[in-house]
Structure formats: C-alpha cells, structure tokens
Amino acid sequence: MKVAICIPCHGDAKAWFVESLARLTTATMKSSRGLELETFVCKGSRIHEVRNTLHGWAKDWQADYILWIDADQTFPRDALLRLLLHKLPVVGANIRWRTEEIVPTALVEGSGGKLEPILTTADKASKGPEEVASIGLGLCLVDMAIPVGDSPFMMGENGEDRPYFGKLRAAGAKIYVDHALSLEVGHIHETILTFPR
C-alpha cells in the first residue's frame, strides 16, 4: 500500500512538526505492514493551489492514500497506523484553531443543514470514530480512489477544506473524526511577547 504524505507549507516548517514527522515515518516503516511512503512538500501562499499541486503529485505517484499534514501540527508517532486501522475512506483529527478560544475544525450538520462545530472530549474518544460533515486537513487520511477530479481544491468562503470535503461527500465518501487521536494532536501557536505596560 502506498501512502503519500502531503505537506503544504507557508513559510518554514516548525521544529516540533519536524520531530513529529520523523517519528511517524520511523514508526510506520518499522511496523512491517508493507507500507510504502513518499513525502511531498509544496510551498506557497495560495493554499488551494498548493494542495492541488500536492494532490497531483500523489496521483502521479499512484498513491493509494494521501495523508494530509500541515507543517504546524504535532502528532503521535503511530498516527498514520491508527488512521489506517480504521479502514475508512476519510478519517482525521479534530484540530483546534490557533486562537485562545477553543474552536474545533470538525463540523456536523445541524438544523437546517447548517454546519456546526463539535468538540473532542475524553468521552467521545472512548467511542471510536464519529461521522462528520467536514474536518480540517491538519492531519487527515484520504482514500485516493474517491473520485474528486484532478484539481479538487478551490477557495471558498471558509477556506479550501470545506469545498474539498463537500466534493468527497458528493462522491459518496463518509468522513470521520478520530477523537482519541485528536486529543494527542497539537496546533503550534505562536504569540508575540512584549514587556507589560
């Protein structure tokens, strides 16, 4: 099985991300599960174009899965293995936005079809993956067999990920969030430090 690790970058990758990626790669290759990994990195400011480029490279490499990882995430060494064990078409982590307020990226359809955020909790983590309408792409495994076209990303009102998940769902794929893994994933947040006034 071939897994393309696709990493969009805007600026430089964070040190904690590099450490997480190295550990994930080592643990995955030591697992003896017959996995073949390739890492693709694309840098740019237009995120939908960067993701389309990465998707094309993964397709050309004939990947079975794409593991999307943002370069400002931390994650456990067995993250990919755990996602693969679910045997789901689309499964990933609920990523917290880089704000002081806790805002999750995972969304479910509420009343009237409006998308509403759902929190990851220890209780939910004990119940296995939960079907959702959309999740972020900070750490997300996607089956390449899902027909989404050659350039599946475009900028929408709320970024590039929601239209992508819309295409996945339109193609018949169900999307899941792994709450247990989500509790072990971090979003690297930088603040400006000043002297108090």
N, C-alpha and C. Protein backbone atom coordinates (compact mmCIF):
# COMPACT_ATOMS: atom_id res chain seq x y z
N MET A 1 0.84 -1.19 0.00
CA MET A 1 0.00 0.00 0.00
C MET A 1 0.88 1.24 0.00
N LYS A 2 0.54 2.19 -0.85
CA LYS A 2 1.33 3.41 -0.99
C LYS A 2 0.61 4.59 -0.35
N VAL A 3 1.31 5.27 0.55
CA VAL A 3 0.74 6.43 1.22
C VAL A 3 1.61 7.65 0.92
N ALA A 4 1.00 8.66 0.33
CA ALA A 4 1.69 9.92 0.05
C ALA A 4 1.45 10.87 1.22
N ILE A 5 2.52 11.27 1.88
CA ILE A 5 2.42 12.26 2.95
C ILE A 5 2.56 13.63 2.29
N CYS A 6 1.47 14.39 2.29
CA CYS A 6 1.43 15.66 1.56
C CYS A 6 1.40 16.82 2.55
N ILE A 7 2.40 17.69 2.42
CA ILE A 7 2.61 18.76 3.39
C ILE A 7 2.63 20.12 2.68
N PRO A 8 1.56 20.90 2.83
CA PRO A 8 1.60 22.27 2.32
C PRO A 8 2.33 23.17 3.31
N CYS A 9 3.16 24.05 2.80
CA CYS A 9 3.92 24.96 3.68
C CYS A 9 3.71 26.40 3.26
N HIS A 10 3.52 27.24 4.25
CA HIS A 10 3.53 28.69 4.05
C HIS A 10 4.58 29.19 5.03
N GLY A 11 5.75 29.47 4.55
CA GLY A 11 6.87 29.76 5.44
C GLY A 11 7.62 28.48 5.75
N ASP A 12 8.29 28.45 6.88
CA ASP A 12 9.11 27.30 7.25
C ASP A 12 8.36 26.36 8.18
N ALA A 13 8.68 25.07 8.09
CA ALA A 13 8.09 24.08 8.99
C ALA A 13 8.59 24.31 10.42
N LYS A 14 7.74 24.02 11.38
CA LYS A 14 8.08 24.19 12.78
C LYS A 14 8.89 23.00 13.28
N ALA A 15 9.81 23.25 14.21
CA ALA A 15 10.69 22.20 14.72
C ALA A 15 9.91 21.04 15.33
N TRP A 16 8.88 21.34 16.10
CA TRP A 16 8.09 20.26 16.71
C TRP A 16 7.38 19.43 15.66
N PHE A 17 6.97 20.07 14.56
CA PHE A 17 6.38 19.32 13.45
C PHE A 17 7.40 18.38 12.84
N VAL A 18 8.61 18.88 12.60
CA VAL A 18 9.67 18.05 12.00
C VAL A 18 9.95 16.84 12.87
N GLU A 19 10.01 17.04 14.18
CA GLU A 19 10.23 15.93 15.11
C GLU A 19 9.08 14.92 15.02
N SER A 20 7.84 15.41 15.00
CA SER A 20 6.68 14.51 14.89
C SER A 20 6.71 13.71 13.60
N LEU A 21 7.04 14.39 12.49
CA LEU A 21 7.08 13.72 11.19
C LEU A 21 8.16 12.64 11.15
N ALA A 22 9.34 12.95 11.69
CA ALA A 22 10.43 11.97 11.72
C ALA A 22 10.02 10.74 12.52
N ARG A 23 9.39 10.96 13.66
CA ARG A 23 8.97 9.83 14.49
C ARG A 23 7.86 9.02 13.82
N LEU A 24 6.93 9.71 13.17
CA LEU A 24 5.86 9.00 12.46
C LEU A 24 6.43 8.14 11.34
N THR A 25 7.35 8.69 10.57
CA THR A 25 7.95 7.95 9.46
C THR A 25 8.70 6.72 9.96
N THR A 26 9.49 6.90 11.00
CA THR A 26 10.26 5.78 11.56
C THR A 26 9.33 4.70 12.09
N ALA A 27 8.32 5.08 12.88
CA ALA A 27 7.40 4.10 13.47
C ALA A 27 6.61 3.36 12.40
N THR A 28 6.20 4.08 11.36
CA THR A 28 5.42 3.46 10.29
C THR A 28 6.27 2.45 9.53
N MET A 29 7.50 2.81 9.20
CA MET A 29 8.37 1.90 8.45
C MET A 29 8.78 0.69 9.28
N LYS A 30 8.85 0.84 10.60
CA LYS A 30 9.19 -0.29 11.49
C LYS A 30 8.02 -1.23 11.70
N SER A 31 6.83 -0.83 11.30
CA SER A 31 5.63 -1.61 11.60
C SER A 31 5.52 -2.90 10.79
N SER A 32 6.30 -3.02 9.73
CA SER A 32 6.29 -4.21 8.87
C SER A 32 4.90 -4.50 8.31
N ARG A 33 4.19 -3.48 7.90
CA ARG A 33 2.84 -3.67 7.34
C ARG A 33 2.83 -3.55 5.82
N GLY A 34 4.00 -3.58 5.20
CA GLY A 34 4.07 -3.49 3.75
C GLY A 34 3.69 -2.14 3.20
N LEU A 35 3.93 -1.09 3.97
CA LEU A 35 3.59 0.25 3.53
C LEU A 35 4.76 0.90 2.81
N GLU A 36 4.45 1.62 1.76
CA GLU A 36 5.46 2.41 1.06
C GLU A 36 5.08 3.87 1.23
N LEU A 37 6.01 4.66 1.74
CA LEU A 37 5.74 6.08 1.99
C LEU A 37 6.55 6.95 1.04
N GLU A 38 5.95 8.07 0.68
CA GLU A 38 6.67 9.12 -0.04
C GLU A 38 6.19 10.45 0.52
N THR A 39 7.11 11.37 0.69
CA THR A 39 6.77 12.68 1.25
C THR A 39 6.84 13.73 0.15
N PHE A 40 5.77 14.51 0.05
CA PHE A 40 5.70 15.59 -0.92
C PHE A 40 5.47 16.89 -0.16
N VAL A 41 6.29 17.90 -0.44
CA VAL A 41 6.18 19.20 0.21
C VAL A 41 6.04 20.26 -0.88
N CYS A 42 5.08 21.14 -0.71
CA CYS A 42 4.90 22.24 -1.65
C CYS A 42 4.72 23.53 -0.85
N LYS A 43 5.43 24.55 -1.27
CA LYS A 43 5.42 25.83 -0.55
C LYS A 43 4.75 26.90 -1.40
N GLY A 44 3.92 27.69 -0.75
CA GLY A 44 3.26 28.79 -1.47
C GLY A 44 2.23 29.46 -0.59
N SER A 45 1.75 30.60 -1.04
CA SER A 45 0.79 31.37 -0.24
C SER A 45 -0.65 31.11 -0.65
N ARG A 46 -0.88 30.56 -1.83
CA ARG A 46 -2.24 30.25 -2.29
C ARG A 46 -2.52 28.79 -1.99
N ILE A 47 -3.11 28.56 -0.80
CA ILE A 47 -3.21 27.21 -0.25
C ILE A 47 -3.96 26.24 -1.15
N HIS A 48 -5.00 26.69 -1.84
CA HIS A 48 -5.75 25.77 -2.70
C HIS A 48 -4.88 25.30 -3.88
N GLU A 49 -4.04 26.20 -4.41
CA GLU A 49 -3.15 25.81 -5.50
C GLU A 49 -2.07 24.86 -5.00
N VAL A 50 -1.56 25.12 -3.80
CA VAL A 50 -0.55 24.23 -3.19
C VAL A 50 -1.13 22.83 -3.00
N ARG A 51 -2.35 22.77 -2.47
CA ARG A 51 -2.97 21.46 -2.25
C ARG A 51 -3.27 20.74 -3.56
N ASN A 52 -3.68 21.47 -4.59
CA ASN A 52 -3.90 20.84 -5.90
C ASN A 52 -2.61 20.27 -6.46
N THR A 53 -1.50 21.00 -6.28
CA THR A 53 -0.21 20.50 -6.73
C THR A 53 0.16 19.21 -6.00
N LEU A 54 0.00 19.22 -4.69
CA LEU A 54 0.31 18.03 -3.89
C LEU A 54 -0.58 16.85 -4.29
N HIS A 55 -1.86 17.12 -4.49
CA HIS A 55 -2.78 16.06 -4.91
C HIS A 55 -2.34 15.45 -6.24
N GLY A 56 -1.91 16.32 -7.17
CA GLY A 56 -1.43 15.84 -8.47
C GLY A 56 -0.18 14.99 -8.34
N TRP A 57 0.74 15.40 -7.49
CA TRP A 57 1.96 14.62 -7.28
C TRP A 57 1.64 13.25 -6.69
N ALA A 58 0.72 13.21 -5.74
CA ALA A 58 0.32 11.94 -5.13
C ALA A 58 -0.34 11.03 -6.16
N LYS A 59 -1.15 11.63 -7.01
CA LYS A 59 -1.83 10.86 -8.06
C LYS A 59 -0.81 10.30 -9.06
N ASP A 60 0.14 11.13 -9.47
CA ASP A 60 1.18 10.68 -10.40
C ASP A 60 2.01 9.54 -9.80
N TRP A 61 2.22 9.58 -8.49
CA TRP A 61 2.99 8.54 -7.79
C TRP A 61 2.13 7.27 -7.59
N GLN A 62 0.86 7.35 -7.94
CA GLN A 62 -0.11 6.27 -7.81
C GLN A 62 -0.32 5.86 -6.35
N ALA A 63 -0.47 6.86 -5.51
CA ALA A 63 -0.72 6.62 -4.09
C ALA A 63 -2.10 6.01 -3.89
N ASP A 64 -2.19 5.12 -2.91
CA ASP A 64 -3.49 4.58 -2.50
C ASP A 64 -4.20 5.53 -1.54
N TYR A 65 -3.39 6.22 -0.74
CA TYR A 65 -3.92 7.18 0.24
C TYR A 65 -3.06 8.43 0.25
N ILE A 66 -3.70 9.54 0.60
CA ILE A 66 -2.97 10.77 0.94
C ILE A 66 -3.12 10.97 2.44
N LEU A 67 -2.00 11.22 3.10
CA LEU A 67 -2.04 11.69 4.48
C LEU A 67 -1.71 13.18 4.43
N TRP A 68 -2.73 14.01 4.61
CA TRP A 68 -2.52 15.45 4.67
C TRP A 68 -2.01 15.81 6.05
N ILE A 69 -0.91 16.54 6.11
CA ILE A 69 -0.39 17.03 7.39
C ILE A 69 0.05 18.48 7.18
N ASP A 70 -0.46 19.37 8.03
CA ASP A 70 0.01 20.75 7.98
C ASP A 70 1.31 20.88 8.76
N ALA A 71 2.16 21.80 8.31
CA ALA A 71 3.52 21.93 8.86
C ALA A 71 3.56 22.65 10.21
N ASP A 72 2.39 22.89 10.80
CA ASP A 72 2.35 23.48 12.14
C ASP A 72 1.59 22.60 13.12
N GLN A 73 1.66 21.28 12.89
CA GLN A 73 0.97 20.32 13.75
C GLN A 73 1.99 19.47 14.52
N THR A 74 1.56 18.96 15.66
CA THR A 74 2.28 17.89 16.35
C THR A 74 1.33 16.70 16.46
N PHE A 75 1.90 15.50 16.47
CA PHE A 75 1.06 14.30 16.44
C PHE A 75 1.89 13.12 16.92
N PRO A 76 1.24 12.04 17.38
CA PRO A 76 1.99 10.88 17.88
C PRO A 76 2.62 10.08 16.75
N ARG A 77 3.62 9.32 17.11
CA ARG A 77 4.37 8.54 16.11
C ARG A 77 3.52 7.50 15.39
N ASP A 78 2.47 7.00 16.03
CA ASP A 78 1.64 5.97 15.41
C ASP A 78 0.38 6.53 14.76
N ALA A 79 0.35 7.83 14.51
CA ALA A 79 -0.86 8.47 13.97
C ALA A 79 -1.31 7.84 12.65
N LEU A 80 -0.42 7.66 11.71
CA LEU A 80 -0.79 7.08 10.42
C LEU A 80 -1.30 5.66 10.59
N LEU A 81 -0.61 4.86 11.39
CA LEU A 81 -1.03 3.47 11.60
C LEU A 81 -2.43 3.40 12.20
N ARG A 82 -2.70 4.28 13.13
CA ARG A 82 -4.02 4.30 13.77
C ARG A 82 -5.11 4.70 12.79
N LEU A 83 -4.82 5.68 11.94
CA LEU A 83 -5.80 6.09 10.95
C LEU A 83 -6.07 4.98 9.94
N LEU A 84 -5.02 4.28 9.51
CA LEU A 84 -5.18 3.18 8.56
C LEU A 84 -5.99 2.03 9.15
N LEU A 85 -5.83 1.78 10.44
CA LEU A 85 -6.54 0.68 11.08
C LEU A 85 -8.06 0.85 11.03
N HIS A 86 -8.53 2.06 10.93
CA HIS A 86 -9.97 2.29 10.87
C HIS A 86 -10.57 1.78 9.56
N LYS A 87 -9.77 1.70 8.51
CA LYS A 87 -10.25 1.25 7.19
C LYS A 87 -11.46 2.08 6.73
N LEU A 88 -11.31 3.39 6.84
CA LEU A 88 -12.37 4.31 6.44
C LEU A 88 -11.90 5.14 5.25
N PRO A 89 -12.82 5.62 4.41
CA PRO A 89 -12.41 6.38 3.22
C PRO A 89 -11.76 7.72 3.56
N VAL A 90 -12.28 8.39 4.61
CA VAL A 90 -11.73 9.68 5.04
C VAL A 90 -11.81 9.73 6.56
N VAL A 91 -10.66 9.88 7.21
CA VAL A 91 -10.64 9.95 8.66
C VAL A 91 -9.47 10.82 9.10
N GLY A 92 -9.72 11.66 10.09
CA GLY A 92 -8.66 12.55 10.53
C GLY A 92 -8.89 13.05 11.93
N ALA A 93 -8.06 14.00 12.32
CA ALA A 93 -8.12 14.57 13.66
C ALA A 93 -8.92 15.86 13.66
N ASN A 94 -9.56 16.11 14.78
CA ASN A 94 -10.23 17.38 15.03
C ASN A 94 -9.16 18.34 15.51
N ILE A 95 -8.87 19.34 14.72
CA ILE A 95 -7.79 20.28 15.02
C ILE A 95 -8.38 21.54 15.65
N ARG A 96 -7.72 22.00 16.68
CA ARG A 96 -8.13 23.26 17.30
C ARG A 96 -7.54 24.41 16.51
N TRP A 97 -8.36 25.43 16.23
CA TRP A 97 -7.85 26.62 15.55
C TRP A 97 -6.80 27.30 16.42
N ARG A 98 -5.95 28.11 15.77
CA ARG A 98 -4.91 28.83 16.52
C ARG A 98 -5.48 30.12 17.11
N THR A 99 -6.37 29.95 18.06
CA THR A 99 -6.96 31.08 18.77
C THR A 99 -7.00 30.73 20.25
N GLU A 100 -7.11 31.74 21.09
CA GLU A 100 -7.22 31.49 22.53
C GLU A 100 -8.53 30.77 22.84
N GLU A 101 -9.57 31.13 22.13
CA GLU A 101 -10.86 30.44 22.28
C GLU A 101 -10.75 29.06 21.63
N ILE A 102 -11.35 28.05 22.24
CA ILE A 102 -11.30 26.70 21.69
C ILE A 102 -12.33 26.59 20.58
N VAL A 103 -11.83 26.51 19.35
CA VAL A 103 -12.69 26.38 18.17
C VAL A 103 -12.22 25.16 17.39
N PRO A 104 -13.05 24.10 17.29
CA PRO A 104 -12.64 22.89 16.57
C PRO A 104 -12.89 23.02 15.06
N THR A 105 -12.15 22.24 14.29
CA THR A 105 -12.35 22.24 12.84
C THR A 105 -13.43 21.24 12.41
N ALA A 106 -13.71 20.23 13.22
CA ALA A 106 -14.72 19.23 12.86
C ALA A 106 -16.11 19.85 12.92
N LEU A 107 -16.91 19.56 11.89
CA LEU A 107 -18.25 20.14 11.78
C LEU A 107 -19.27 19.04 11.48
N VAL A 108 -20.44 19.19 12.07
CA VAL A 108 -21.57 18.30 11.77
C VAL A 108 -22.71 19.14 11.23
N GLU A 109 -23.63 18.47 10.54
CA GLU A 109 -24.80 19.18 10.02
C GLU A 109 -25.81 19.35 11.14
N GLY A 110 -26.13 20.60 11.43
CA GLY A 110 -27.14 20.89 12.42
C GLY A 110 -28.49 21.09 11.78
N SER A 111 -29.38 21.77 12.49
CA SER A 111 -30.72 22.01 11.97
C SER A 111 -30.65 22.89 10.72
N GLY A 112 -31.44 22.54 9.75
CA GLY A 112 -31.48 23.30 8.51
C GLY A 112 -30.25 23.13 7.65
N GLY A 113 -29.44 22.11 7.94
CA GLY A 113 -28.24 21.85 7.15
C GLY A 113 -27.07 22.75 7.47
N LYS A 114 -27.21 23.61 8.49
CA LYS A 114 -26.11 24.49 8.87
C LYS A 114 -25.01 23.69 9.55
N LEU A 115 -23.75 23.98 9.19
CA LEU A 115 -22.62 23.27 9.79
C LEU A 115 -22.30 23.86 11.15
N GLU A 116 -22.15 22.98 12.14
CA GLU A 116 -21.87 23.40 13.50
C GLU A 116 -20.64 22.66 14.02
N PRO A 117 -19.76 23.36 14.75
CA PRO A 117 -18.55 22.71 15.27
C PRO A 117 -18.87 21.72 16.38
N ILE A 118 -18.05 20.66 16.46
CA ILE A 118 -18.19 19.70 17.56
C ILE A 118 -16.85 19.59 18.29
N LEU A 119 -16.92 19.56 19.59
CA LEU A 119 -15.73 19.45 20.41
C LEU A 119 -15.29 17.99 20.54
N THR A 120 -14.01 17.80 20.71
CA THR A 120 -13.47 16.49 21.06
C THR A 120 -13.37 16.43 22.58
N THR A 121 -13.90 15.35 23.15
CA THR A 121 -13.85 15.15 24.59
C THR A 121 -13.35 13.75 24.89
N ALA A 122 -12.95 13.52 26.14
CA ALA A 122 -12.50 12.19 26.54
C ALA A 122 -13.62 11.17 26.38
N ASP A 123 -14.85 11.58 26.64
CA ASP A 123 -15.99 10.67 26.48
C ASP A 123 -16.14 10.24 25.03
N LYS A 124 -16.05 11.20 24.10
CA LYS A 124 -16.15 10.86 22.68
C LYS A 124 -14.97 10.02 22.22
N ALA A 125 -13.80 10.25 22.81
CA ALA A 125 -12.60 9.50 22.42
C ALA A 125 -12.75 8.01 22.70
N SER A 126 -13.57 7.66 23.68
CA SER A 126 -13.73 6.24 24.05
C SER A 126 -14.73 5.51 23.16
N LYS A 127 -15.40 6.24 22.25
CA LYS A 127 -16.48 5.65 21.46
C LYS A 127 -16.11 5.36 20.01
N GLY A 128 -14.88 5.58 19.61
CA GLY A 128 -14.48 5.32 18.24
C GLY A 128 -14.77 6.48 17.32
N PRO A 129 -14.43 6.35 16.04
CA PRO A 129 -14.61 7.46 15.09
C PRO A 129 -16.07 7.88 14.97
N GLU A 130 -16.27 9.18 14.77
CA GLU A 130 -17.61 9.75 14.63
C GLU A 130 -17.75 10.34 13.23
N GLU A 131 -18.88 10.05 12.59
CA GLU A 131 -19.11 10.62 11.26
C GLU A 131 -19.41 12.11 11.38
N VAL A 132 -18.79 12.90 10.50
CA VAL A 132 -18.96 14.34 10.50
C VAL A 132 -19.18 14.82 9.06
N ALA A 133 -19.49 16.09 8.92
CA ALA A 133 -19.66 16.66 7.58
C ALA A 133 -18.35 17.17 7.01
N SER A 134 -17.45 17.62 7.91
CA SER A 134 -16.19 18.21 7.48
C SER A 134 -15.21 18.21 8.64
N ILE A 135 -13.94 18.10 8.32
CA ILE A 135 -12.87 18.27 9.31
C ILE A 135 -11.78 19.09 8.63
N GLY A 136 -10.85 19.58 9.40
CA GLY A 136 -9.72 20.26 8.80
C GLY A 136 -8.75 19.27 8.19
N LEU A 137 -7.78 19.77 7.48
CA LEU A 137 -6.77 18.91 6.84
C LEU A 137 -5.43 18.94 7.58
N GLY A 138 -5.45 19.37 8.84
CA GLY A 138 -4.21 19.39 9.62
C GLY A 138 -3.58 18.03 9.75
N LEU A 139 -4.41 16.99 9.89
CA LEU A 139 -3.97 15.59 9.94
C LEU A 139 -5.15 14.75 9.48
N CYS A 140 -5.13 14.33 8.23
CA CYS A 140 -6.29 13.67 7.64
C CYS A 140 -5.86 12.66 6.57
N LEU A 141 -6.40 11.45 6.66
CA LEU A 141 -6.11 10.39 5.70
C LEU A 141 -7.27 10.25 4.73
N VAL A 142 -6.96 10.28 3.42
CA VAL A 142 -7.99 10.24 2.38
C VAL A 142 -7.65 9.15 1.37
N ASP A 143 -8.64 8.31 1.07
CA ASP A 143 -8.51 7.27 0.06
C ASP A 143 -8.47 7.92 -1.32
N MET A 144 -7.42 7.64 -2.08
CA MET A 144 -7.27 8.24 -3.41
C MET A 144 -8.26 7.68 -4.43
N ALA A 145 -8.96 6.59 -4.09
CA ALA A 145 -9.94 6.02 -5.02
C ALA A 145 -11.21 6.86 -5.09
N ILE A 146 -11.39 7.79 -4.18
CA ILE A 146 -12.59 8.65 -4.20
C ILE A 146 -12.45 9.62 -5.38
N PRO A 147 -13.41 9.62 -6.31
CA PRO A 147 -13.29 10.49 -7.50
C PRO A 147 -13.62 11.95 -7.19
N VAL A 148 -12.58 12.77 -7.12
CA VAL A 148 -12.78 14.20 -6.85
C VAL A 148 -12.18 15.08 -7.95
N GLY A 149 -11.68 14.47 -9.01
CA GLY A 149 -11.11 15.24 -10.10
C GLY A 149 -9.63 15.53 -9.91
N ASP A 150 -9.05 16.17 -10.91
CA ASP A 150 -7.61 16.44 -10.88
C ASP A 150 -7.23 17.65 -10.04
N SER A 151 -8.12 18.60 -9.91
CA SER A 151 -7.86 19.80 -9.10
C SER A 151 -9.03 20.00 -8.14
N PRO A 152 -9.07 19.21 -7.06
CA PRO A 152 -10.26 19.22 -6.19
C PRO A 152 -10.36 20.40 -5.24
N PHE A 153 -9.32 21.21 -5.17
CA PHE A 153 -9.33 22.31 -4.20
C PHE A 153 -9.62 23.65 -4.86
N MET A 154 -10.44 24.43 -4.17
CA MET A 154 -10.70 25.81 -4.56
C MET A 154 -10.97 26.59 -3.29
N MET A 155 -10.78 27.89 -3.36
CA MET A 155 -11.03 28.72 -2.18
C MET A 155 -12.52 28.99 -2.05
N GLY A 156 -13.02 28.70 -0.87
CA GLY A 156 -14.41 29.02 -0.56
C GLY A 156 -14.47 30.13 0.46
N GLU A 157 -15.66 30.41 0.93
CA GLU A 157 -15.85 31.47 1.91
C GLU A 157 -15.11 31.17 3.22
N ASN A 158 -15.01 29.88 3.55
CA ASN A 158 -14.36 29.46 4.80
C ASN A 158 -13.09 28.67 4.56
N GLY A 159 -12.36 28.98 3.50
CA GLY A 159 -11.11 28.29 3.23
C GLY A 159 -11.25 27.26 2.13
N GLU A 160 -10.21 26.45 1.98
CA GLU A 160 -10.17 25.47 0.90
C GLU A 160 -10.64 24.08 1.31
N ASP A 161 -10.71 23.82 2.61
CA ASP A 161 -11.02 22.47 3.04
C ASP A 161 -12.50 22.11 2.96
N ARG A 162 -13.39 23.05 3.31
CA ARG A 162 -14.82 22.72 3.28
C ARG A 162 -15.32 22.36 1.88
N PRO A 163 -14.95 23.11 0.82
CA PRO A 163 -15.36 22.69 -0.53
C PRO A 163 -14.82 21.30 -0.89
N TYR A 164 -13.60 21.00 -0.44
CA TYR A 164 -13.00 19.68 -0.71
C TYR A 164 -13.81 18.58 -0.05
N PHE A 165 -14.17 18.77 1.22
CA PHE A 165 -14.97 17.76 1.91
C PHE A 165 -16.36 17.65 1.28
N GLY A 166 -16.86 18.76 0.76
CA GLY A 166 -18.12 18.71 0.02
C GLY A 166 -18.02 17.81 -1.21
N LYS A 167 -16.90 17.90 -1.91
CA LYS A 167 -16.69 17.04 -3.08
C LYS A 167 -16.56 15.57 -2.68
N LEU A 168 -15.86 15.33 -1.58
CA LEU A 168 -15.73 13.95 -1.10
C LEU A 168 -17.09 13.35 -0.77
N ARG A 169 -17.91 14.14 -0.09
CA ARG A 169 -19.25 13.66 0.27
C ARG A 169 -20.11 13.47 -0.97
N ALA A 170 -20.00 14.39 -1.93
CA ALA A 170 -20.77 14.27 -3.17
C ALA A 170 -20.40 13.01 -3.94
N ALA A 171 -19.15 12.56 -3.76
CA ALA A 171 -18.68 11.33 -4.41
C ALA A 171 -19.09 10.08 -3.64
N GLY A 172 -19.80 10.27 -2.52
CA GLY A 172 -20.30 9.13 -1.76
C GLY A 172 -19.44 8.73 -0.57
N ALA A 173 -18.39 9.47 -0.30
CA ALA A 173 -17.49 9.13 0.81
C ALA A 173 -18.03 9.68 2.12
N LYS A 174 -17.92 8.88 3.16
CA LYS A 174 -18.26 9.34 4.50
C LYS A 174 -16.98 9.83 5.18
N ILE A 175 -17.14 10.84 6.01
CA ILE A 175 -16.00 11.50 6.66
C ILE A 175 -16.10 11.27 8.16
N TYR A 176 -14.96 10.91 8.76
CA TYR A 176 -14.96 10.60 10.18
C TYR A 176 -13.85 11.36 10.90
N VAL A 177 -14.13 11.62 12.19
CA VAL A 177 -13.11 12.20 13.05
C VAL A 177 -12.74 11.17 14.10
N ASP A 178 -11.44 11.01 14.32
CA ASP A 178 -10.90 10.13 15.36
C ASP A 178 -10.66 11.00 16.60
N HIS A 179 -11.59 10.96 17.54
CA HIS A 179 -11.49 11.82 18.71
C HIS A 179 -10.32 11.41 19.62
N ALA A 180 -10.04 10.12 19.70
CA ALA A 180 -8.93 9.67 20.55
C ALA A 180 -7.61 10.23 20.04
N LEU A 181 -7.39 10.14 18.75
CA LEU A 181 -6.18 10.70 18.16
C LEU A 181 -6.17 12.22 18.29
N SER A 182 -7.32 12.84 18.15
CA SER A 182 -7.42 14.30 18.23
C SER A 182 -6.89 14.83 19.56
N LEU A 183 -7.08 14.07 20.62
CA LEU A 183 -6.60 14.51 21.94
C LEU A 183 -5.07 14.54 22.02
N GLU A 184 -4.41 13.90 21.05
CA GLU A 184 -2.95 13.83 21.05
C GLU A 184 -2.31 14.69 19.95
N VAL A 185 -3.13 15.46 19.26
CA VAL A 185 -2.64 16.31 18.17
C VAL A 185 -2.62 17.76 18.66
N GLY A 186 -1.53 18.46 18.33
CA GLY A 186 -1.42 19.86 18.72
C GLY A 186 -1.27 20.78 17.53
N HIS A 187 -1.76 21.99 17.69
CA HIS A 187 -1.62 23.03 16.66
C HIS A 187 -0.64 24.06 17.23
N ILE A 188 0.51 24.18 16.62
CA ILE A 188 1.57 25.06 17.15
C ILE A 188 1.12 26.50 16.99
N HIS A 189 1.08 27.20 18.11
CA HIS A 189 0.56 28.57 18.15
C HIS A 189 1.66 29.49 18.67
N GLU A 190 1.94 30.53 17.91
CA GLU A 190 2.96 31.49 18.31
C GLU A 190 2.30 32.79 18.76
N THR A 191 2.85 33.37 19.79
CA THR A 191 2.36 34.65 20.25
C THR A 191 3.51 35.65 20.29
N ILE A 192 3.18 36.90 20.26
CA ILE A 192 4.20 37.96 20.36
C ILE A 192 4.37 38.31 21.83
N LEU A 193 5.60 38.24 22.30
CA LEU A 193 5.89 38.53 23.70
C LEU A 193 6.38 39.96 23.84
N THR A 194 5.74 40.72 24.71
CA THR A 194 6.14 42.10 24.96
C THR A 194 6.26 42.33 26.47
N PHE A 195 6.96 43.38 26.84
CA PHE A 195 7.01 43.75 28.26
C PHE A 195 5.65 44.32 28.67
N PRO A 196 5.21 44.03 29.90
CA PRO A 196 3.94 44.60 30.34
C PRO A 196 3.99 46.12 30.42
N ARG A 197 2.89 46.78 30.20
CA ARG A 197 2.84 48.26 30.23
C ARG A 197 2.21 48.74 31.51
